[in-house]
C-alpha atoms as a PDB file:
ATOM      1  CA  UNK A   1      91.165 117.096 105.602  1.00  0.00           C
ATOM      2  CA  UNK A   2      93.152 119.126 103.080  1.00  0.00           C
ATOM      3  CA  UNK A   3      96.488 118.031 101.591  1.00  0.00           C
ATOM      4  CA  UNK A   4      98.600 120.125 103.964  1.00  0.00           C
ATOM      5  CA  UNK A   5      96.778 118.912 107.067  1.00  0.00           C
ATOM      6  CA  UNK A   6      96.841 115.342 105.774  1.00  0.00           C
ATOM      7  CA  UNK A   7     100.604 115.533 105.151  1.00  0.00           C
ATOM      8  CA  UNK A   8     101.211 116.993 108.628  1.00  0.00           C
ATOM      9  CA  UNK A   9      98.973 114.364 110.210  1.00  0.00           C
ATOM     10  CA  UNK A  10     100.824 111.556 108.467  1.00  0.00           C
ATOM     11  CA  UNK A  11     104.195 113.006 109.522  1.00  0.00           C
ATOM     12  CA  UNK A  12     103.235 112.900 113.203  1.00  0.00           C
ATOM     13  CA  UNK A  13     101.595 109.483 112.863  1.00  0.00           C
ATOM     14  CA  UNK A  14      97.933 110.466 112.643  1.00  0.00           C
ATOM     15  CA  UNK A  15      97.164 109.069 109.225  1.00  0.00           C
ATOM     16  CA  UNK A  16      93.474 109.698 108.730  1.00  0.00           C
ATOM     17  CA  UNK A  17      92.712 106.412 107.004  1.00  0.00           C
ATOM     18  CA  UNK A  18      94.414 103.460 105.460  1.00  0.00           C
ATOM     19  CA  UNK A  19      94.490 103.425 101.666  1.00  0.00           C
ATOM     20  CA  UNK A  20      91.361 102.051 100.050  1.00  0.00           C
ATOM     21  CA  UNK A  21      91.712  98.343  99.225  1.00  0.00           C
ATOM     22  CA  UNK A  22      92.180  97.498  95.554  1.00  0.00           C
ATOM     23  CA  UNK A  23      90.555  94.082  95.825  1.00  0.00           C
ATOM     24  CA  UNK A  24      86.757  94.435  95.358  1.00  0.00           C
ATOM     25  CA  UNK A  25      86.068  91.804  98.029  1.00  0.00           C
ATOM     26  CA  UNK A  26      88.193  93.710 100.553  1.00  0.00           C
ATOM     27  CA  UNK A  27      86.526  96.985  99.584  1.00  0.00           C
ATOM     28  CA  UNK A  28      83.117  95.408 100.230  1.00  0.00           C
ATOM     29  CA  UNK A  29      84.374  93.990 103.539  1.00  0.00           C
ATOM     30  CA  UNK A  30      85.668  97.450 104.575  1.00  0.00           C
ATOM     31  CA  UNK A  31      82.305  99.040 103.710  1.00  0.00           C
ATOM     32  CA  UNK A  32      80.432  96.454 105.770  1.00  0.00           C
ATOM     33  CA  UNK A  33      82.822  96.945 108.688  1.00  0.00           C
ATOM     34  CA  UNK A  34      82.551 100.748 108.523  1.00  0.00           C
ATOM     35  CA  UNK A  35      78.768 100.540 108.735  1.00  0.00           C
ATOM     36  CA  UNK A  36      78.952  99.465 112.397  1.00  0.00           C
ATOM     37  CA  UNK A  37      79.720 102.247 114.902  1.00  0.00           C
ATOM     38  CA  UNK A  38      81.642 100.084 117.355  1.00  0.00           C
ATOM     39  CA  UNK A  39      83.930  98.921 114.531  1.00  0.00           C
ATOM     40  CA  UNK A  40      84.605 102.554 113.599  1.00  0.00           C
ATOM     41  CA  UNK A  41      85.522 103.333 117.212  1.00  0.00           C
ATOM     42  CA  UNK A  42      87.741 100.252 117.568  1.00  0.00           C
ATOM     43  CA  UNK A  43      89.472 100.998 114.260  1.00  0.00           C
ATOM     44  CA  UNK A  44      90.099 104.641 115.258  1.00  0.00           C
ATOM     45  CA  UNK A  45      91.538 103.655 118.650  1.00  0.00           C
ATOM     46  CA  UNK A  46      93.708 100.943 117.110  1.00  0.00           C
ATOM     47  CA  UNK A  47      94.937 103.353 114.432  1.00  0.00           C
ATOM     48  CA  UNK A  48      95.787 105.979 117.063  1.00  0.00           C
ATOM     49  CA  UNK A  49      97.366 103.526 119.528  1.00  0.00           C
ATOM     50  CA  UNK A  50      99.598 102.214 116.746  1.00  0.00           C
ATOM     51  CA  UNK A  51     100.974 105.661 115.905  1.00  0.00           C
ATOM     52  CA  UNK A  52     104.042 107.612 116.983  1.00  0.00           C
ATOM     53  CA  UNK A  53     101.700 110.355 118.235  1.00  0.00           C
ATOM     54  CA  UNK A  54     100.533 107.900 120.899  1.00  0.00           C
ATOM     55  CA  UNK A  55     104.156 107.341 121.938  1.00  0.00           C
ATOM     56  CA  UNK A  56     104.915 111.093 122.031  1.00  0.00           C
ATOM     57  CA  UNK A  57     101.844 111.795 124.184  1.00  0.00           C
ATOM     58  CA  UNK A  58     102.921 109.122 126.655  1.00  0.00           C
ATOM     59  CA  UNK A  59     106.466 110.470 126.824  1.00  0.00           C
ATOM     60  CA  UNK A  60     105.065 113.926 127.603  1.00  0.00           C
ATOM     61  CA  UNK A  61     102.518 112.532 130.058  1.00  0.00           C
ATOM     62  CA  UNK A  62     105.014 110.407 132.006  1.00  0.00           C
ATOM     63  CA  UNK A  63     107.602 113.195 131.956  1.00  0.00           C
ATOM     64  CA  UNK A  64     105.099 115.723 133.272  1.00  0.00           C
ATOM     65  CA  UNK A  65     103.738 113.301 135.904  1.00  0.00           C
ATOM     66  CA  UNK A  66     107.190 112.650 137.277  1.00  0.00           C
ATOM     67  CA  UNK A  67     108.613 116.146 136.610  1.00  0.00           C
ATOM     68  CA  UNK A  68     105.762 118.041 138.286  1.00  0.00           C
ATOM     69  CA  UNK A  69     105.691 115.600 141.185  1.00  0.00           C
ATOM     70  CA  UNK A  70     102.022 114.639 140.806  1.00  0.00           C
ATOM     71  CA  UNK A  71     102.808 111.791 143.183  1.00  0.00           C
ATOM     72  CA  UNK A  72     105.905 110.517 144.896  1.00  0.00           C
ATOM     73  CA  UNK A  73     107.974 107.483 144.010  1.00  0.00           C
ATOM     74  CA  UNK A  74     107.003 104.522 143.440  1.00  0.00           C
ATOM     75  CA  UNK A  75     104.175 106.183 141.449  1.00  0.00           C
ATOM     76  CA  UNK A  76     101.370 103.808 142.489  1.00  0.00           C
ATOM     77  CA  UNK A  77      98.557 105.779 140.803  1.00  0.00           C
ATOM     78  CA  UNK A  78     100.530 106.158 137.566  1.00  0.00           C
ATOM     79  CA  UNK A  79     101.283 102.433 137.617  1.00  0.00           C
ATOM     80  CA  UNK A  80      97.601 101.611 138.122  1.00  0.00           C
ATOM     81  CA  UNK A  81      96.538 103.954 135.279  1.00  0.00           C
ATOM     82  CA  UNK A  82      99.151 102.504 132.933  1.00  0.00           C
ATOM     83  CA  UNK A  83      98.103  98.944 133.861  1.00  0.00           C
ATOM     84  CA  UNK A  84      94.471  99.714 133.076  1.00  0.00           C
ATOM     85  CA  UNK A  85      95.513 101.304 129.799  1.00  0.00           C
ATOM     86  CA  UNK A  86      97.546  98.192 128.946  1.00  0.00           C
ATOM     87  CA  UNK A  87      94.513  95.981 129.587  1.00  0.00           C
ATOM     88  CA  UNK A  88      92.383  98.007 127.191  1.00  0.00           C
ATOM     89  CA  UNK A  89      95.123  98.318 124.586  1.00  0.00           C
ATOM     90  CA  UNK A  90      95.719  94.558 124.606  1.00  0.00           C
ATOM     91  CA  UNK A  91      91.997  94.137 123.932  1.00  0.00           C
ATOM     92  CA  UNK A  92      92.266  96.502 120.977  1.00  0.00           C
ATOM     93  CA  UNK A  93      95.259  94.539 119.697  1.00  0.00           C
ATOM     94  CA  UNK A  94      93.100  91.406 119.735  1.00  0.00           C
ATOM     95  CA  UNK A  95      90.313  93.286 117.949  1.00  0.00           C
ATOM     96  CA  UNK A  96      92.850  94.359 115.337  1.00  0.00           C
ATOM     97  CA  UNK A  97      94.032  90.759 114.932  1.00  0.00           C
ATOM     98  CA  UNK A  98      90.437  89.622 114.505  1.00  0.00           C
ATOM     99  CA  UNK A  99      89.961  92.283 111.831  1.00  0.00           C
ATOM    100  CA  UNK A 100      93.123  91.094 110.056  1.00  0.00           C
ATOM    101  CA  UNK A 101      91.869  87.501 110.254  1.00  0.00           C
ATOM    102  CA  UNK A 102      88.542  88.559 108.744  1.00  0.00           C
ATOM    103  CA  UNK A 103      90.381  90.253 105.868  1.00  0.00           C
ATOM    104  CA  UNK A 104      92.504  87.159 105.290  1.00  0.00           C
ATOM    105  CA  UNK A 105      89.326  85.059 105.233  1.00  0.00           C
ATOM    106  CA  UNK A 106      87.745  87.364 102.637  1.00  0.00           C
ATOM    107  CA  UNK A 107      90.863  87.030 100.469  1.00  0.00           C
ATOM    108  CA  UNK A 108      90.954  83.242 100.938  1.00  0.00           C
ATOM    109  CA  UNK A 109      87.273  82.962  99.971  1.00  0.00           C
ATOM    110  CA  UNK A 110      87.856  85.005  96.820  1.00  0.00           C
ATOM    111  CA  UNK A 111      90.919  82.927  95.930  1.00  0.00           C
ATOM    112  CA  UNK A 112      88.892  79.730  96.409  1.00  0.00           C
ATOM    113  CA  UNK A 113      86.203  81.038  94.054  1.00  0.00           C
ATOM    114  CA  UNK A 114      88.923  81.849  91.519  1.00  0.00           C
ATOM    115  CA  UNK A 115      90.432  78.356  91.851  1.00  0.00           C
ATOM    116  CA  UNK A 116      87.001  76.775  91.340  1.00  0.00           C
ATOM    117  CA  UNK A 117      86.358  78.916  88.238  1.00  0.00           C
ATOM    118  CA  UNK A 118      89.803  78.078  86.841  1.00  0.00           C
ATOM    119  CA  UNK A 119      89.144  74.380  87.481  1.00  0.00           C
ATOM    120  CA  UNK A 120      85.824  74.620  85.602  1.00  0.00           C
ATOM    121  CA  UNK A 121      87.569  76.408  82.724  1.00  0.00           C
ATOM    122  CA  UNK A 122      90.332  73.779  82.663  1.00  0.00           C
ATOM    123  CA  UNK A 123      87.748  70.986  82.483  1.00  0.00           C
ATOM    124  CA  UNK A 124      86.032  72.793  79.606  1.00  0.00           C
ATOM    125  CA  UNK A 125      89.360  73.281  77.800  1.00  0.00           C
ATOM    126  CA  UNK A 126      90.238  69.622  78.312  1.00  0.00           C
ATOM    127  CA  UNK A 127      86.877  68.597  76.841  1.00  0.00           C
ATOM    128  CA  UNK A 128      87.408  70.890  73.818  1.00  0.00           C
ATOM    129  CA  UNK A 129      90.976  69.588  73.391  1.00  0.00           C
ATOM    130  CA  UNK A 130      89.679  66.017  73.368  1.00  0.00           C
ATOM    131  CA  UNK A 131      87.096  66.960  70.736  1.00  0.00           C
ATOM    132  CA  UNK A 132      89.819  68.564  68.600  1.00  0.00           C
ATOM    133  CA  UNK A 133      92.007  65.459  69.021  1.00  0.00           C
ATOM    134  CA  UNK A 134      89.138  63.198  67.956  1.00  0.00           C
ATOM    135  CA  UNK A 135      88.363  65.336  64.905  1.00  0.00           C
ATOM    136  CA  UNK A 136      92.061  65.488  63.993  1.00  0.00           C
ATOM    137  CA  UNK A 137      92.294  61.687  64.198  1.00  0.00           C
ATOM    138  CA  UNK A 138      89.187  61.384  61.984  1.00  0.00           C
ATOM    139  CA  UNK A 139      90.650  63.774  59.397  1.00  0.00           C
ATOM    140  CA  UNK A 140      93.976  61.904  59.497  1.00  0.00           C
ATOM    141  CA  UNK A 141      92.160  58.601  59.058  1.00  0.00           C
ATOM    142  CA  UNK A 142      90.210  59.940  56.053  1.00  0.00           C
ATOM    143  CA  UNK A 143      93.327  61.387  54.482  1.00  0.00           C
ATOM    144  CA  UNK A 144      95.340  58.174  54.752  1.00  0.00           C
ATOM    145  CA  UNK A 145      92.895  55.318  54.582  1.00  0.00           C
ATOM    146  CA  UNK A 146      89.637  56.671  53.375  1.00  0.00           C
ATOM    147  CA  UNK A 147      87.781  55.005  56.213  1.00  0.00           C
ATOM    148  CA  UNK A 148      86.400  56.295  59.504  1.00  0.00           C
ATOM    149  CA  UNK A 149      85.874  54.196  62.583  1.00  0.00           C
ATOM    150  CA  UNK A 150      82.283  53.189  63.337  1.00  0.00           C
ATOM    151  CA  UNK A 151      80.337  56.163  64.615  1.00  0.00           C
ATOM    152  CA  UNK A 152      82.487  58.699  62.754  1.00  0.00           C
ATOM    153  CA  UNK A 153      81.115  61.938  61.383  1.00  0.00           C
ATOM    154  CA  UNK A 154      78.445  61.872  58.701  1.00  0.00           C
ATOM    155  CA  UNK A 155      78.874  63.349  55.249  1.00  0.00           C
ATOM    156  CA  UNK A 156      76.869  66.417  54.265  1.00  0.00           C
ATOM    157  CA  UNK A 157      74.185  64.214  52.621  1.00  0.00           C
ATOM    158  CA  UNK A 158      73.654  62.310  55.875  1.00  0.00           C
ATOM    159  CA  UNK A 159      75.454  59.046  55.069  1.00  0.00           C
ATOM    160  CA  UNK A 160      78.474  57.794  56.978  1.00  0.00           C
ATOM    161  CA  UNK A 161      81.876  57.982  55.306  1.00  0.00           C
ATOM    162  CA  UNK A 162      83.353  54.612  54.491  1.00  0.00           C
ATOM    163  CA  UNK A 163      80.026  52.677  54.475  1.00  0.00           C
END
């Protein structure tokens, strides 16, 4: 679809595709979903049914049905057709909700992985901070008293300071 056609399509509500997801996990999820034909069909129908083009077509259809007198009032056939359409469209709404739930689950899983990695990094930083604190206390002890607690660091020649 060229730029002009794409712009016209988006103006009448026929956007060709949603923007590509930025999140790598969502991009992978979209690729996996697009690999299945029935998902492609459901996504296309949902995209079309959620557009203003769908509304305009129905306005024209209902207007023509009534205006050309396809059937007389109370429009039993039209009512039946619209009821069947509503049944199918409600199914596609549920499919769309399931798709949205799947995307939310992908995001939640990625956020959980991030939280676990941050927790691991925090534990590592806490361990390093404790090591720095211990070394700082040892240096302070050497500077002020000349003695280290038992088990303190060894001097370069292998003997313990303060023994």
